[in-house]
Amino acid sequence: MPMSAGEIEKMIKEAIPEAEVQISDLRGDGDHYAALVTAAAFKGKSRVQQHQMVYDALRGRMGNELHALALQTAIPDNA
């Protein structure tokens, strides 16, 4: 069963509470999403580490309920 954009956002915000999360359904099928996650918690971390934090937040659902996620991460200007 596919995940909703709301579920993805909720899981990310539970793991990274201050994160700003923007989710887009790329195909309208509930299976292919793009996410932009902006968080001060990413400061000092490599892009790979930032992405790993987001994937960890999804607790193993990537590749199962969540088929594809085009992920971008950013650090807020004021961090």
N, C-alpha and C. Protein backbone atom coordinates (compact mmCIF):
# COMPACT_ATOMS: atom_id res chain seq x y z
N MET A 1 0.85 -1.18 0.00
CA MET A 1 0.00 0.00 0.00
C MET A 1 0.89 1.25 0.00
N PRO A 2 0.68 2.17 -0.92
CA PRO A 2 1.51 3.37 -1.00
C PRO A 2 1.34 4.26 0.23
N MET A 3 2.33 5.09 0.47
CA MET A 3 2.27 6.06 1.56
C MET A 3 1.72 7.38 1.04
N SER A 4 1.04 8.10 1.90
CA SER A 4 0.56 9.43 1.53
C SER A 4 1.65 10.46 1.81
N ALA A 5 1.54 11.60 1.15
CA ALA A 5 2.49 12.69 1.40
C ALA A 5 2.45 13.11 2.87
N GLY A 6 1.27 13.10 3.44
CA GLY A 6 1.12 13.46 4.86
C GLY A 6 1.85 12.51 5.78
N GLU A 7 1.82 11.21 5.46
CA GLU A 7 2.54 10.23 6.27
C GLU A 7 4.05 10.45 6.20
N ILE A 8 4.53 10.73 5.00
CA ILE A 8 5.96 10.96 4.81
C ILE A 8 6.39 12.18 5.61
N GLU A 9 5.64 13.27 5.48
CA GLU A 9 5.95 14.50 6.21
C GLU A 9 5.94 14.26 7.72
N LYS A 10 4.94 13.56 8.21
CA LYS A 10 4.81 13.29 9.64
C LYS A 10 6.02 12.51 10.16
N MET A 11 6.44 11.49 9.44
CA MET A 11 7.56 10.67 9.88
C MET A 11 8.86 11.49 9.91
N ILE A 12 9.05 12.32 8.92
CA ILE A 12 10.26 13.14 8.88
C ILE A 12 10.26 14.14 10.04
N LYS A 13 9.11 14.77 10.28
CA LYS A 13 9.02 15.76 11.36
C LYS A 13 9.12 15.12 12.74
N GLU A 14 8.71 13.88 12.88
CA GLU A 14 8.88 13.19 14.16
C GLU A 14 10.36 12.97 14.46
N ALA A 15 11.14 12.66 13.42
CA ALA A 15 12.56 12.39 13.61
C ALA A 15 13.40 13.67 13.63
N ILE A 16 12.96 14.68 12.88
CA ILE A 16 13.68 15.96 12.79
C ILE A 16 12.65 17.06 13.06
N PRO A 17 12.32 17.29 14.33
CA PRO A 17 11.17 18.15 14.68
C PRO A 17 11.17 19.56 14.09
N GLU A 18 12.33 20.18 13.94
CA GLU A 18 12.35 21.56 13.43
C GLU A 18 12.35 21.63 11.91
N ALA A 19 12.31 20.49 11.25
CA ALA A 19 12.40 20.45 9.79
C ALA A 19 11.20 21.10 9.11
N GLU A 20 11.50 21.78 8.02
CA GLU A 20 10.47 22.26 7.11
C GLU A 20 10.44 21.24 5.98
N VAL A 21 9.27 20.68 5.72
CA VAL A 21 9.16 19.58 4.75
C VAL A 21 8.15 19.95 3.67
N GLN A 22 8.57 19.85 2.43
CA GLN A 22 7.68 20.06 1.29
C GLN A 22 7.68 18.79 0.46
N ILE A 23 6.50 18.22 0.27
CA ILE A 23 6.35 16.96 -0.46
C ILE A 23 5.51 17.20 -1.71
N SER A 24 5.95 16.64 -2.82
CA SER A 24 5.19 16.71 -4.08
C SER A 24 5.00 15.29 -4.61
N ASP A 25 3.79 14.98 -5.02
CA ASP A 25 3.50 13.70 -5.66
C ASP A 25 3.82 13.87 -7.14
N LEU A 26 4.89 13.25 -7.61
CA LEU A 26 5.38 13.49 -8.96
C LEU A 26 4.48 12.96 -10.06
N ARG A 27 3.80 11.85 -9.81
CA ARG A 27 2.98 11.24 -10.86
C ARG A 27 1.50 11.15 -10.51
N GLY A 28 1.15 11.57 -9.32
CA GLY A 28 -0.24 11.47 -8.89
C GLY A 28 -0.65 10.05 -8.55
N ASP A 29 0.36 9.18 -8.36
CA ASP A 29 0.05 7.77 -8.09
C ASP A 29 0.30 7.37 -6.64
N GLY A 30 0.74 8.32 -5.80
CA GLY A 30 1.01 8.01 -4.40
C GLY A 30 2.21 7.10 -4.24
N ASP A 31 3.05 7.01 -5.25
CA ASP A 31 4.16 6.08 -5.22
C ASP A 31 5.50 6.74 -5.58
N HIS A 32 5.44 7.92 -6.18
CA HIS A 32 6.64 8.63 -6.62
C HIS A 32 6.58 10.07 -6.10
N TYR A 33 7.46 10.38 -5.15
CA TYR A 33 7.42 11.68 -4.50
C TYR A 33 8.74 12.42 -4.65
N ALA A 34 8.67 13.72 -4.51
CA ALA A 34 9.84 14.58 -4.35
C ALA A 34 9.70 15.25 -2.99
N ALA A 35 10.81 15.38 -2.29
CA ALA A 35 10.79 16.03 -0.98
C ALA A 35 11.93 17.01 -0.87
N LEU A 36 11.61 18.17 -0.31
CA LEU A 36 12.62 19.15 0.07
C LEU A 36 12.54 19.27 1.58
N VAL A 37 13.62 18.92 2.25
CA VAL A 37 13.67 18.96 3.71
C VAL A 37 14.74 19.97 4.12
N THR A 38 14.32 20.99 4.85
CA THR A 38 15.23 22.03 5.32
C THR A 38 15.28 21.95 6.84
N ALA A 39 16.51 21.81 7.38
CA ALA A 39 16.63 21.67 8.83
C ALA A 39 18.00 22.13 9.31
N ALA A 40 18.01 22.82 10.45
CA ALA A 40 19.26 23.23 11.08
C ALA A 40 20.07 22.02 11.52
N ALA A 41 19.41 20.90 11.77
CA ALA A 41 20.09 19.67 12.20
C ALA A 41 21.06 19.15 11.13
N PHE A 42 20.93 19.63 9.91
CA PHE A 42 21.82 19.21 8.84
C PHE A 42 23.16 19.95 8.85
N LYS A 43 23.25 21.02 9.63
CA LYS A 43 24.46 21.84 9.64
C LYS A 43 25.67 20.99 10.05
N GLY A 44 26.74 21.10 9.27
CA GLY A 44 27.97 20.37 9.57
C GLY A 44 27.98 18.93 9.06
N LYS A 45 26.89 18.52 8.44
CA LYS A 45 26.79 17.16 7.92
C LYS A 45 26.95 17.18 6.40
N SER A 46 27.50 16.11 5.87
CA SER A 46 27.61 15.98 4.41
C SER A 46 26.23 15.76 3.81
N ARG A 47 26.10 15.94 2.52
CA ARG A 47 24.83 15.70 1.84
C ARG A 47 24.38 14.25 2.06
N VAL A 48 25.31 13.32 2.01
CA VAL A 48 24.99 11.90 2.24
C VAL A 48 24.44 11.70 3.65
N GLN A 49 25.08 12.33 4.64
CA GLN A 49 24.60 12.21 6.02
C GLN A 49 23.21 12.84 6.19
N GLN A 50 22.98 13.96 5.52
CA GLN A 50 21.66 14.60 5.58
C GLN A 50 20.59 13.68 5.01
N HIS A 51 20.87 13.09 3.86
CA HIS A 51 19.91 12.18 3.23
C HIS A 51 19.69 10.96 4.12
N GLN A 52 20.76 10.46 4.72
CA GLN A 52 20.62 9.29 5.60
C GLN A 52 19.70 9.61 6.77
N MET A 53 19.78 10.82 7.31
CA MET A 53 18.89 11.21 8.41
C MET A 53 17.43 11.12 7.97
N VAL A 54 17.15 11.57 6.75
CA VAL A 54 15.77 11.52 6.25
C VAL A 54 15.36 10.07 6.01
N TYR A 55 16.21 9.29 5.37
CA TYR A 55 15.87 7.88 5.13
C TYR A 55 15.67 7.12 6.44
N ASP A 56 16.49 7.42 7.44
CA ASP A 56 16.31 6.79 8.76
C ASP A 56 14.94 7.14 9.34
N ALA A 57 14.49 8.37 9.11
CA ALA A 57 13.19 8.81 9.61
C ALA A 57 12.05 8.00 9.00
N LEU A 58 12.27 7.48 7.80
CA LEU A 58 11.22 6.71 7.11
C LEU A 58 11.19 5.25 7.56
N ARG A 59 12.06 4.89 8.48
CA ARG A 59 12.06 3.59 9.16
C ARG A 59 11.87 2.39 8.24
N GLY A 60 12.70 2.30 7.23
CA GLY A 60 12.69 1.13 6.36
C GLY A 60 11.58 1.06 5.34
N ARG A 61 10.78 2.10 5.23
CA ARG A 61 9.68 2.07 4.25
C ARG A 61 10.12 2.42 2.84
N MET A 62 11.31 3.01 2.71
CA MET A 62 11.83 3.33 1.38
C MET A 62 12.06 2.03 0.63
N GLY A 63 11.53 1.94 -0.58
CA GLY A 63 11.65 0.73 -1.37
C GLY A 63 10.53 -0.26 -1.13
N ASN A 64 9.73 -0.03 -0.11
CA ASN A 64 8.58 -0.89 0.17
C ASN A 64 7.30 -0.09 -0.09
N GLU A 65 6.72 0.49 0.96
CA GLU A 65 5.53 1.33 0.77
C GLU A 65 5.85 2.58 -0.04
N LEU A 66 7.07 3.05 0.09
CA LEU A 66 7.51 4.25 -0.63
C LEU A 66 8.46 3.82 -1.73
N HIS A 67 7.97 3.83 -2.96
CA HIS A 67 8.74 3.31 -4.09
C HIS A 67 9.87 4.23 -4.50
N ALA A 68 9.59 5.53 -4.64
CA ALA A 68 10.61 6.46 -5.13
C ALA A 68 10.49 7.81 -4.43
N LEU A 69 11.63 8.33 -4.01
CA LEU A 69 11.67 9.63 -3.35
C LEU A 69 12.86 10.42 -3.89
N ALA A 70 12.57 11.48 -4.64
CA ALA A 70 13.61 12.39 -5.12
C ALA A 70 13.85 13.38 -3.98
N LEU A 71 14.96 13.23 -3.30
CA LEU A 71 15.21 13.96 -2.06
C LEU A 71 16.21 15.09 -2.26
N GLN A 72 15.85 16.26 -1.73
CA GLN A 72 16.76 17.40 -1.64
C GLN A 72 16.76 17.83 -0.19
N THR A 73 17.94 18.14 0.32
CA THR A 73 18.04 18.65 1.69
C THR A 73 18.74 20.01 1.66
N ALA A 74 18.45 20.82 2.66
CA ALA A 74 19.04 22.16 2.76
C ALA A 74 19.14 22.57 4.21
N ILE A 75 20.04 23.52 4.45
CA ILE A 75 20.22 24.10 5.77
C ILE A 75 19.63 25.51 5.70
N PRO A 76 18.79 25.91 6.67
CA PRO A 76 18.23 27.25 6.63
C PRO A 76 19.33 28.31 6.71
N ASP A 77 19.09 29.46 6.11
CA ASP A 77 20.07 30.54 6.08
C ASP A 77 20.46 31.01 7.47
N ASN A 78 19.53 30.93 8.42
CA ASN A 78 19.79 31.44 9.77
C ASN A 78 20.41 30.40 10.69
N ALA A 79 20.80 29.25 10.16
CA ALA A 79 21.37 28.19 11.02
C ALA A 79 22.87 28.35 11.17
